[in-house]
Amino acid sequence: MNKTPLTVAGAEKLRAELHRLKTVERPSVIAAIAEARSHGDLSENAEYEAAKDRQGFIEGRIMEVESKLANAQIIDPTLLDADGRCVFGATVELEDLDSGQVVTYQIVGDDEADIKENKISISSPIARALIGKYAGDIAEVQAPGGVREYEILDVRYV
C-alpha cells in the first residue's frame, strides 16, 4: 500500500484522536450499552440500538485512524531542505494577480486539510499547481470560474 504524506502536527492530531476514541469514547459507549441492556427487552429498545450504532461508528473510526497512522509517511516541514521550492509541508505566501489579495497556505495531507486554518490538501488544484515552483514564479490554477493566476511571494518550511 502507498504511504500517505502527513505532517508531524497532523500525525499528533490523529494520535490524540485515537487516544480519545480508545480511552473515552469506547468505554463510554460500552457503559451505555450495558445501561440499555438493563432496561430489559432489546427488540424494542431504541437506546440499545443507538448505543450499538455509536459503537460501530467508534470501532470503525479507530480502525480507520490506526490504518492511516500505519500507512503514514510523516514529514517534518522544519527539516526540509528544498531550496525554496514548493513541496509537501511548505508554507506558501501567494498573491492573487486579479484581486491583489495575499493569502498564506500550508500544503498538508488530505486528512489535515482545513481551509479555516489555511491548510490545503496536497491533492487540491491549487497545491498541485504550486508543487515544484519557487518564490517569484506564477502558478496557474484551474478553478471552477476559470484559470486564476497566483504569484508565489514566499516559501517557508515551518
N, C-alpha and C. Protein backbone atom coordinates (compact mmCIF):
# COMPACT_ATOMS: atom_id res chain seq x y z
N MET A 1 0.84 -1.18 0.00
CA MET A 1 0.00 0.00 0.00
C MET A 1 0.88 1.24 0.00
N ASN A 2 0.43 2.29 -0.69
CA ASN A 2 1.21 3.52 -0.77
C ASN A 2 1.22 4.25 0.56
N LYS A 3 2.34 4.89 0.84
CA LYS A 3 2.44 5.72 2.04
C LYS A 3 1.71 7.04 1.77
N THR A 4 1.02 7.52 2.79
CA THR A 4 0.29 8.78 2.70
C THR A 4 1.08 9.85 3.43
N PRO A 5 1.37 10.98 2.77
CA PRO A 5 2.13 12.02 3.47
C PRO A 5 1.30 12.66 4.57
N LEU A 6 1.96 12.96 5.67
CA LEU A 6 1.32 13.55 6.84
C LEU A 6 2.36 14.40 7.55
N THR A 7 1.99 15.59 7.97
CA THR A 7 2.93 16.41 8.73
C THR A 7 3.01 15.89 10.16
N VAL A 8 4.01 16.33 10.88
CA VAL A 8 4.16 15.93 12.29
C VAL A 8 2.93 16.35 13.09
N ALA A 9 2.46 17.58 12.85
CA ALA A 9 1.28 18.07 13.58
C ALA A 9 0.04 17.24 13.24
N GLY A 10 -0.11 16.86 11.98
CA GLY A 10 -1.24 16.04 11.57
C GLY A 10 -1.20 14.66 12.21
N ALA A 11 0.00 14.08 12.31
CA ALA A 11 0.14 12.78 12.95
C ALA A 11 -0.20 12.87 14.44
N GLU A 12 0.23 13.95 15.08
CA GLU A 12 -0.09 14.13 16.51
C GLU A 12 -1.59 14.27 16.72
N LYS A 13 -2.25 14.98 15.82
CA LYS A 13 -3.70 15.16 15.90
C LYS A 13 -4.41 13.81 15.78
N LEU A 14 -3.95 12.97 14.84
CA LEU A 14 -4.55 11.65 14.68
C LEU A 14 -4.28 10.77 15.90
N ARG A 15 -3.06 10.84 16.44
CA ARG A 15 -2.75 10.06 17.65
C ARG A 15 -3.63 10.48 18.82
N ALA A 16 -3.85 11.79 18.95
CA ALA A 16 -4.70 12.30 20.04
C ALA A 16 -6.15 11.82 19.85
N GLU A 17 -6.63 11.84 18.61
CA GLU A 17 -7.99 11.35 18.34
C GLU A 17 -8.09 9.87 18.67
N LEU A 18 -7.09 9.09 18.28
CA LEU A 18 -7.09 7.65 18.56
C LEU A 18 -7.10 7.40 20.07
N HIS A 19 -6.29 8.14 20.80
CA HIS A 19 -6.24 8.00 22.25
C HIS A 19 -7.61 8.32 22.87
N ARG A 20 -8.24 9.41 22.40
CA ARG A 20 -9.56 9.79 22.92
C ARG A 20 -10.60 8.73 22.59
N LEU A 21 -10.56 8.21 21.38
CA LEU A 21 -11.52 7.18 20.98
C LEU A 21 -11.38 5.93 21.86
N LYS A 22 -10.14 5.53 22.14
CA LYS A 22 -9.91 4.30 22.90
C LYS A 22 -10.13 4.48 24.40
N THR A 23 -9.81 5.65 24.93
CA THR A 23 -9.86 5.82 26.39
C THR A 23 -11.12 6.51 26.90
N VAL A 24 -11.81 7.24 26.02
CA VAL A 24 -13.01 7.97 26.45
C VAL A 24 -14.26 7.44 25.75
N GLU A 25 -14.24 7.48 24.43
CA GLU A 25 -15.43 7.13 23.66
C GLU A 25 -15.81 5.66 23.79
N ARG A 26 -14.83 4.76 23.63
CA ARG A 26 -15.12 3.32 23.68
C ARG A 26 -15.69 2.91 25.04
N PRO A 27 -15.05 3.27 26.17
CA PRO A 27 -15.64 2.90 27.47
C PRO A 27 -17.02 3.53 27.70
N SER A 28 -17.22 4.74 27.18
CA SER A 28 -18.50 5.41 27.35
C SER A 28 -19.61 4.66 26.63
N VAL A 29 -19.35 4.22 25.41
CA VAL A 29 -20.39 3.52 24.66
C VAL A 29 -20.63 2.13 25.24
N ILE A 30 -19.60 1.48 25.77
CA ILE A 30 -19.78 0.18 26.43
C ILE A 30 -20.68 0.34 27.65
N ALA A 31 -20.48 1.40 28.39
CA ALA A 31 -21.34 1.67 29.56
C ALA A 31 -22.78 1.95 29.11
N ALA A 32 -22.94 2.68 28.00
CA ALA A 32 -24.28 2.99 27.51
C ALA A 32 -25.00 1.72 27.05
N ILE A 33 -24.26 0.79 26.45
CA ILE A 33 -24.86 -0.49 26.02
C ILE A 33 -25.29 -1.29 27.25
N ALA A 34 -24.44 -1.33 28.25
CA ALA A 34 -24.77 -2.06 29.49
C ALA A 34 -26.01 -1.45 30.15
N GLU A 35 -26.09 -0.13 30.17
CA GLU A 35 -27.25 0.56 30.75
C GLU A 35 -28.51 0.22 29.98
N ALA A 36 -28.42 0.26 28.65
CA ALA A 36 -29.59 -0.02 27.82
C ALA A 36 -30.04 -1.47 27.97
N ARG A 37 -29.08 -2.39 28.11
CA ARG A 37 -29.43 -3.81 28.30
C ARG A 37 -30.19 -4.01 29.61
N SER A 38 -29.86 -3.21 30.60
CA SER A 38 -30.51 -3.38 31.91
C SER A 38 -31.99 -2.98 31.87
N HIS A 39 -32.40 -2.32 30.79
CA HIS A 39 -33.81 -1.91 30.67
C HIS A 39 -34.71 -3.02 30.15
N GLY A 40 -34.13 -4.19 29.89
CA GLY A 40 -34.97 -5.34 29.51
C GLY A 40 -34.97 -5.62 28.02
N ASP A 41 -36.14 -5.82 27.44
CA ASP A 41 -36.36 -6.26 26.06
C ASP A 41 -35.55 -5.44 25.06
N LEU A 42 -34.59 -6.11 24.40
CA LEU A 42 -33.70 -5.41 23.46
C LEU A 42 -34.35 -5.18 22.10
N SER A 43 -35.40 -5.93 21.76
CA SER A 43 -36.00 -5.81 20.43
C SER A 43 -36.68 -4.46 20.22
N GLU A 44 -37.15 -3.83 21.27
CA GLU A 44 -37.82 -2.53 21.15
C GLU A 44 -37.08 -1.45 21.93
N ASN A 45 -35.79 -1.63 22.12
CA ASN A 45 -35.02 -0.70 22.94
C ASN A 45 -34.22 0.25 22.04
N ALA A 46 -34.72 1.45 21.87
CA ALA A 46 -34.08 2.44 20.99
C ALA A 46 -32.71 2.88 21.54
N GLU A 47 -32.60 2.96 22.85
CA GLU A 47 -31.32 3.34 23.47
C GLU A 47 -30.24 2.31 23.13
N TYR A 48 -30.61 1.04 23.18
CA TYR A 48 -29.67 -0.03 22.87
C TYR A 48 -29.23 0.05 21.41
N GLU A 49 -30.19 0.24 20.51
CA GLU A 49 -29.87 0.35 19.08
C GLU A 49 -28.95 1.54 18.81
N ALA A 50 -29.24 2.68 19.44
CA ALA A 50 -28.42 3.88 19.24
C ALA A 50 -27.01 3.65 19.77
N ALA A 51 -26.89 3.01 20.92
CA ALA A 51 -25.58 2.75 21.51
C ALA A 51 -24.79 1.76 20.64
N LYS A 52 -25.45 0.75 20.09
CA LYS A 52 -24.77 -0.22 19.21
C LYS A 52 -24.31 0.48 17.93
N ASP A 53 -25.14 1.37 17.38
CA ASP A 53 -24.74 2.13 16.19
C ASP A 53 -23.52 3.00 16.49
N ARG A 54 -23.55 3.65 17.63
CA ARG A 54 -22.43 4.50 18.04
C ARG A 54 -21.16 3.67 18.21
N GLN A 55 -21.31 2.48 18.80
CA GLN A 55 -20.16 1.59 18.98
C GLN A 55 -19.58 1.20 17.63
N GLY A 56 -20.43 0.90 16.66
CA GLY A 56 -19.96 0.54 15.32
C GLY A 56 -19.20 1.69 14.68
N PHE A 57 -19.70 2.91 14.86
CA PHE A 57 -19.02 4.08 14.32
C PHE A 57 -17.65 4.26 14.97
N ILE A 58 -17.60 4.16 16.29
CA ILE A 58 -16.33 4.35 17.03
C ILE A 58 -15.31 3.29 16.64
N GLU A 59 -15.72 2.04 16.58
CA GLU A 59 -14.79 0.97 16.21
C GLU A 59 -14.30 1.15 14.78
N GLY A 60 -15.18 1.59 13.89
CA GLY A 60 -14.77 1.84 12.51
C GLY A 60 -13.77 2.98 12.42
N ARG A 61 -14.01 4.03 13.18
CA ARG A 61 -13.10 5.18 13.17
C ARG A 61 -11.75 4.80 13.77
N ILE A 62 -11.74 3.99 14.82
CA ILE A 62 -10.48 3.52 15.41
C ILE A 62 -9.67 2.76 14.36
N MET A 63 -10.32 1.86 13.63
CA MET A 63 -9.61 1.10 12.58
C MET A 63 -9.10 2.04 11.49
N GLU A 64 -9.90 3.02 11.11
CA GLU A 64 -9.50 3.97 10.06
C GLU A 64 -8.29 4.79 10.49
N VAL A 65 -8.30 5.32 11.71
CA VAL A 65 -7.18 6.14 12.20
C VAL A 65 -5.93 5.29 12.36
N GLU A 66 -6.07 4.07 12.89
CA GLU A 66 -4.91 3.18 13.02
C GLU A 66 -4.30 2.88 11.65
N SER A 67 -5.13 2.66 10.66
CA SER A 67 -4.66 2.38 9.30
C SER A 67 -3.94 3.60 8.72
N LYS A 68 -4.50 4.78 8.92
CA LYS A 68 -3.87 6.00 8.41
C LYS A 68 -2.50 6.21 9.04
N LEU A 69 -2.41 5.98 10.34
CA LEU A 69 -1.13 6.15 11.03
C LEU A 69 -0.12 5.09 10.58
N ALA A 70 -0.59 3.87 10.36
CA ALA A 70 0.31 2.80 9.93
C ALA A 70 0.85 3.05 8.53
N ASN A 71 0.06 3.70 7.68
CA ASN A 71 0.46 3.94 6.30
C ASN A 71 0.97 5.37 6.08
N ALA A 72 1.24 6.08 7.15
CA ALA A 72 1.66 7.48 7.03
C ALA A 72 3.16 7.59 6.81
N GLN A 73 3.52 8.52 5.97
CA GLN A 73 4.91 8.92 5.83
C GLN A 73 4.96 10.30 6.49
N ILE A 74 5.49 10.35 7.70
CA ILE A 74 5.46 11.58 8.48
C ILE A 74 6.63 12.47 8.06
N ILE A 75 6.28 13.69 7.68
CA ILE A 75 7.26 14.65 7.17
C ILE A 75 7.27 15.87 8.09
N ASP A 76 8.46 16.23 8.55
CA ASP A 76 8.62 17.41 9.39
C ASP A 76 9.05 18.58 8.50
N PRO A 77 8.15 19.56 8.28
CA PRO A 77 8.48 20.68 7.39
C PRO A 77 9.72 21.46 7.83
N THR A 78 10.02 21.48 9.13
CA THR A 78 11.17 22.26 9.60
C THR A 78 12.49 21.61 9.20
N LEU A 79 12.45 20.33 8.84
CA LEU A 79 13.68 19.63 8.45
C LEU A 79 13.87 19.57 6.93
N LEU A 80 12.93 20.16 6.20
CA LEU A 80 13.02 20.12 4.74
C LEU A 80 14.12 21.04 4.25
N ASP A 81 14.81 20.60 3.21
CA ASP A 81 15.81 21.43 2.55
C ASP A 81 15.49 21.36 1.06
N ALA A 82 14.49 22.16 0.64
CA ALA A 82 14.03 22.10 -0.74
C ALA A 82 14.49 23.32 -1.53
N ASP A 83 15.43 24.07 -1.00
CA ASP A 83 16.00 25.24 -1.69
C ASP A 83 14.94 26.23 -2.16
N GLY A 84 13.92 26.45 -1.35
CA GLY A 84 12.91 27.46 -1.68
C GLY A 84 11.83 26.96 -2.63
N ARG A 85 11.79 25.67 -2.88
CA ARG A 85 10.79 25.09 -3.78
C ARG A 85 9.54 24.74 -2.99
N CYS A 86 8.36 24.84 -3.63
CA CYS A 86 7.10 24.44 -3.01
C CYS A 86 7.04 22.91 -2.98
N VAL A 87 6.97 22.36 -1.78
CA VAL A 87 6.88 20.92 -1.58
C VAL A 87 5.85 20.64 -0.49
N PHE A 88 5.55 19.36 -0.27
CA PHE A 88 4.64 18.98 0.80
C PHE A 88 5.16 19.54 2.13
N GLY A 89 4.29 20.15 2.91
CA GLY A 89 4.66 20.69 4.21
C GLY A 89 5.07 22.15 4.18
N ALA A 90 5.36 22.68 2.99
CA ALA A 90 5.80 24.07 2.88
C ALA A 90 4.64 25.02 3.15
N THR A 91 4.98 26.18 3.69
CA THR A 91 4.01 27.26 3.88
C THR A 91 4.30 28.28 2.78
N VAL A 92 3.28 28.58 2.00
CA VAL A 92 3.45 29.38 0.80
C VAL A 92 2.60 30.65 0.89
N GLU A 93 3.22 31.79 0.65
CA GLU A 93 2.51 33.06 0.61
C GLU A 93 2.24 33.41 -0.85
N LEU A 94 0.97 33.64 -1.17
CA LEU A 94 0.56 33.87 -2.55
C LEU A 94 -0.16 35.20 -2.70
N GLU A 95 -0.05 35.78 -3.90
CA GLU A 95 -0.84 36.96 -4.24
C GLU A 95 -1.68 36.62 -5.45
N ASP A 96 -2.99 36.81 -5.30
CA ASP A 96 -3.91 36.61 -6.42
C ASP A 96 -3.69 37.77 -7.38
N LEU A 97 -3.26 37.49 -8.59
CA LEU A 97 -2.91 38.56 -9.53
C LEU A 97 -4.12 39.36 -9.99
N ASP A 98 -5.33 38.79 -9.91
CA ASP A 98 -6.54 39.53 -10.31
C ASP A 98 -6.98 40.50 -9.22
N SER A 99 -7.06 40.02 -7.98
CA SER A 99 -7.60 40.84 -6.89
C SER A 99 -6.53 41.52 -6.06
N GLY A 100 -5.29 41.04 -6.11
CA GLY A 100 -4.23 41.59 -5.28
C GLY A 100 -4.25 41.05 -3.86
N GLN A 101 -5.20 40.16 -3.56
CA GLN A 101 -5.32 39.60 -2.22
C GLN A 101 -4.14 38.67 -1.94
N VAL A 102 -3.58 38.79 -0.73
CA VAL A 102 -2.45 37.94 -0.32
C VAL A 102 -2.96 36.91 0.69
N VAL A 103 -2.63 35.65 0.43
CA VAL A 103 -3.03 34.56 1.32
C VAL A 103 -1.82 33.68 1.61
N THR A 104 -1.87 33.00 2.74
CA THR A 104 -0.80 32.07 3.10
C THR A 104 -1.42 30.71 3.36
N TYR A 105 -0.86 29.68 2.72
CA TYR A 105 -1.34 28.32 2.89
C TYR A 105 -0.19 27.40 3.24
N GLN A 106 -0.50 26.35 4.01
CA GLN A 106 0.45 25.27 4.21
C GLN A 106 -0.08 24.08 3.43
N ILE A 107 0.79 23.42 2.69
CA ILE A 107 0.40 22.25 1.90
C ILE A 107 0.54 21.02 2.80
N VAL A 108 -0.61 20.36 3.06
CA VAL A 108 -0.65 19.23 4.01
C VAL A 108 -1.35 18.03 3.37
N GLY A 109 -1.43 16.95 4.13
CA GLY A 109 -2.11 15.75 3.67
C GLY A 109 -3.62 15.94 3.61
N ASP A 110 -4.29 15.03 2.92
CA ASP A 110 -5.74 15.12 2.74
C ASP A 110 -6.49 15.18 4.08
N ASP A 111 -6.03 14.41 5.06
CA ASP A 111 -6.74 14.35 6.35
C ASP A 111 -6.52 15.59 7.20
N GLU A 112 -5.49 16.34 6.91
CA GLU A 112 -5.16 17.53 7.72
C GLU A 112 -5.75 18.81 7.15
N ALA A 113 -6.17 18.77 5.91
CA ALA A 113 -6.61 19.97 5.22
C ALA A 113 -7.75 20.64 5.98
N ASP A 114 -7.63 21.93 6.19
CA ASP A 114 -8.65 22.73 6.87
C ASP A 114 -8.47 24.17 6.42
N ILE A 115 -9.35 24.62 5.56
CA ILE A 115 -9.20 25.95 4.97
C ILE A 115 -9.29 27.04 6.04
N LYS A 116 -9.99 26.78 7.14
CA LYS A 116 -10.08 27.77 8.22
C LYS A 116 -8.72 28.00 8.87
N GLU A 117 -7.85 26.97 8.83
CA GLU A 117 -6.50 27.09 9.38
C GLU A 117 -5.47 27.34 8.29
N ASN A 118 -5.95 27.67 7.07
CA ASN A 118 -5.10 27.91 5.90
C ASN A 118 -4.21 26.72 5.58
N LYS A 119 -4.79 25.53 5.71
CA LYS A 119 -4.08 24.30 5.36
C LYS A 119 -4.81 23.67 4.18
N ILE A 120 -4.09 23.52 3.05
CA ILE A 120 -4.72 22.97 1.86
C ILE A 120 -4.15 21.60 1.55
N SER A 121 -4.99 20.74 1.01
CA SER A 121 -4.60 19.37 0.70
C SER A 121 -3.62 19.33 -0.46
N ILE A 122 -2.67 18.42 -0.36
CA ILE A 122 -1.68 18.20 -1.42
C ILE A 122 -2.37 17.84 -2.73
N SER A 123 -3.57 17.28 -2.66
CA SER A 123 -4.28 16.88 -3.88
C SER A 123 -5.22 17.95 -4.41
N SER A 124 -5.28 19.12 -3.75
CA SER A 124 -6.15 20.20 -4.23
C SER A 124 -5.55 20.83 -5.50
N PRO A 125 -6.38 21.42 -6.33
CA PRO A 125 -5.87 22.03 -7.57
C PRO A 125 -4.80 23.10 -7.31
N ILE A 126 -4.98 23.91 -6.29
CA ILE A 126 -4.01 24.98 -6.03
C ILE A 126 -2.67 24.40 -5.58
N ALA A 127 -2.70 23.38 -4.72
CA ALA A 127 -1.44 22.77 -4.26
C ALA A 127 -0.73 22.08 -5.41
N ARG A 128 -1.49 21.39 -6.26
CA ARG A 128 -0.86 20.72 -7.41
C ARG A 128 -0.20 21.74 -8.34
N ALA A 129 -0.82 22.93 -8.46
CA ALA A 129 -0.24 23.97 -9.32
C ALA A 129 1.02 24.57 -8.69
N LEU A 130 1.12 24.53 -7.35
CA LEU A 130 2.25 25.14 -6.65
C LEU A 130 3.48 24.23 -6.56
N ILE A 131 3.26 22.92 -6.46
CA ILE A 131 4.36 21.97 -6.25
C ILE A 131 5.45 22.15 -7.31
N GLY A 132 6.68 22.29 -6.82
CA GLY A 132 7.83 22.41 -7.70
C GLY A 132 8.19 23.84 -8.09
N LYS A 133 7.34 24.78 -7.75
CA LYS A 133 7.60 26.17 -8.12
C LYS A 133 8.38 26.88 -7.00
N TYR A 134 8.96 28.04 -7.36
CA TYR A 134 9.77 28.83 -6.43
C TYR A 134 9.13 30.20 -6.21
N ALA A 135 9.62 30.93 -5.19
CA ALA A 135 9.18 32.30 -4.97
C ALA A 135 9.48 33.11 -6.22
N GLY A 136 8.51 33.93 -6.63
CA GLY A 136 8.65 34.72 -7.85
C GLY A 136 7.96 34.08 -9.04
N ASP A 137 7.69 32.78 -8.98
CA ASP A 137 7.01 32.08 -10.06
C ASP A 137 5.51 32.41 -10.05
N ILE A 138 4.88 32.21 -11.19
CA ILE A 138 3.43 32.37 -11.32
C ILE A 138 2.82 30.97 -11.43
N ALA A 139 1.81 30.71 -10.62
CA ALA A 139 1.11 29.43 -10.67
C ALA A 139 -0.27 29.66 -11.27
N GLU A 140 -0.60 28.88 -12.29
CA GLU A 140 -1.93 28.95 -12.90
C GLU A 140 -2.77 27.82 -12.33
N VAL A 141 -3.91 28.20 -11.75
CA VAL A 141 -4.79 27.22 -11.09
C VAL A 141 -6.09 27.15 -11.86
N GLN A 142 -6.47 25.94 -12.23
CA GLN A 142 -7.75 25.74 -12.92
C GLN A 142 -8.83 25.72 -11.85
N ALA A 143 -9.60 26.81 -11.76
CA ALA A 143 -10.67 26.94 -10.77
C ALA A 143 -12.01 26.80 -11.49
N PRO A 144 -13.08 26.56 -10.73
CA PRO A 144 -14.40 26.43 -11.36
C PRO A 144 -14.78 27.66 -12.20
N GLY A 145 -14.32 28.83 -11.79
CA GLY A 145 -14.63 30.06 -12.52
C GLY A 145 -13.63 30.37 -13.63
N GLY A 146 -12.74 29.46 -13.91
CA GLY A 146 -11.73 29.68 -14.94
C GLY A 146 -10.34 29.65 -14.33
N VAL A 147 -9.35 29.99 -15.15
CA VAL A 147 -7.96 29.96 -14.70
C VAL A 147 -7.66 31.17 -13.83
N ARG A 148 -7.05 30.92 -12.66
CA ARG A 148 -6.63 32.00 -11.76
C ARG A 148 -5.11 31.95 -11.67
N GLU A 149 -4.50 33.12 -11.59
CA GLU A 149 -3.05 33.19 -11.50
C GLU A 149 -2.63 33.73 -10.14
N TYR A 150 -1.65 33.06 -9.55
CA TYR A 150 -1.10 33.45 -8.26
C TYR A 150 0.40 33.62 -8.40
N GLU A 151 0.91 34.70 -7.82
CA GLU A 151 2.36 34.85 -7.76
C GLU A 151 2.81 34.33 -6.40
N ILE A 152 3.85 33.51 -6.41
CA ILE A 152 4.39 32.97 -5.16
C ILE A 152 5.32 34.02 -4.58
N LEU A 153 4.95 34.58 -3.42
CA LEU A 153 5.74 35.63 -2.79
C LEU A 153 6.83 35.07 -1.89
N ASP A 154 6.52 33.96 -1.19
CA ASP A 154 7.47 33.42 -0.23
C ASP A 154 7.17 31.94 0.00
N VAL A 155 8.20 31.16 0.24
CA VAL A 155 8.08 29.75 0.57
C VAL A 155 8.87 29.51 1.85
N ARG A 156 8.19 29.02 2.89
CA ARG A 156 8.85 28.77 4.18
C ARG A 156 8.61 27.33 4.60
N TYR A 157 9.50 26.83 5.41
CA TYR A 157 9.39 25.47 5.96
C TYR A 157 9.33 25.59 7.47
N VAL A 158 8.11 25.77 8.00
CA VAL A 158 7.92 25.96 9.43
C VAL A 158 7.06 24.88 10.04
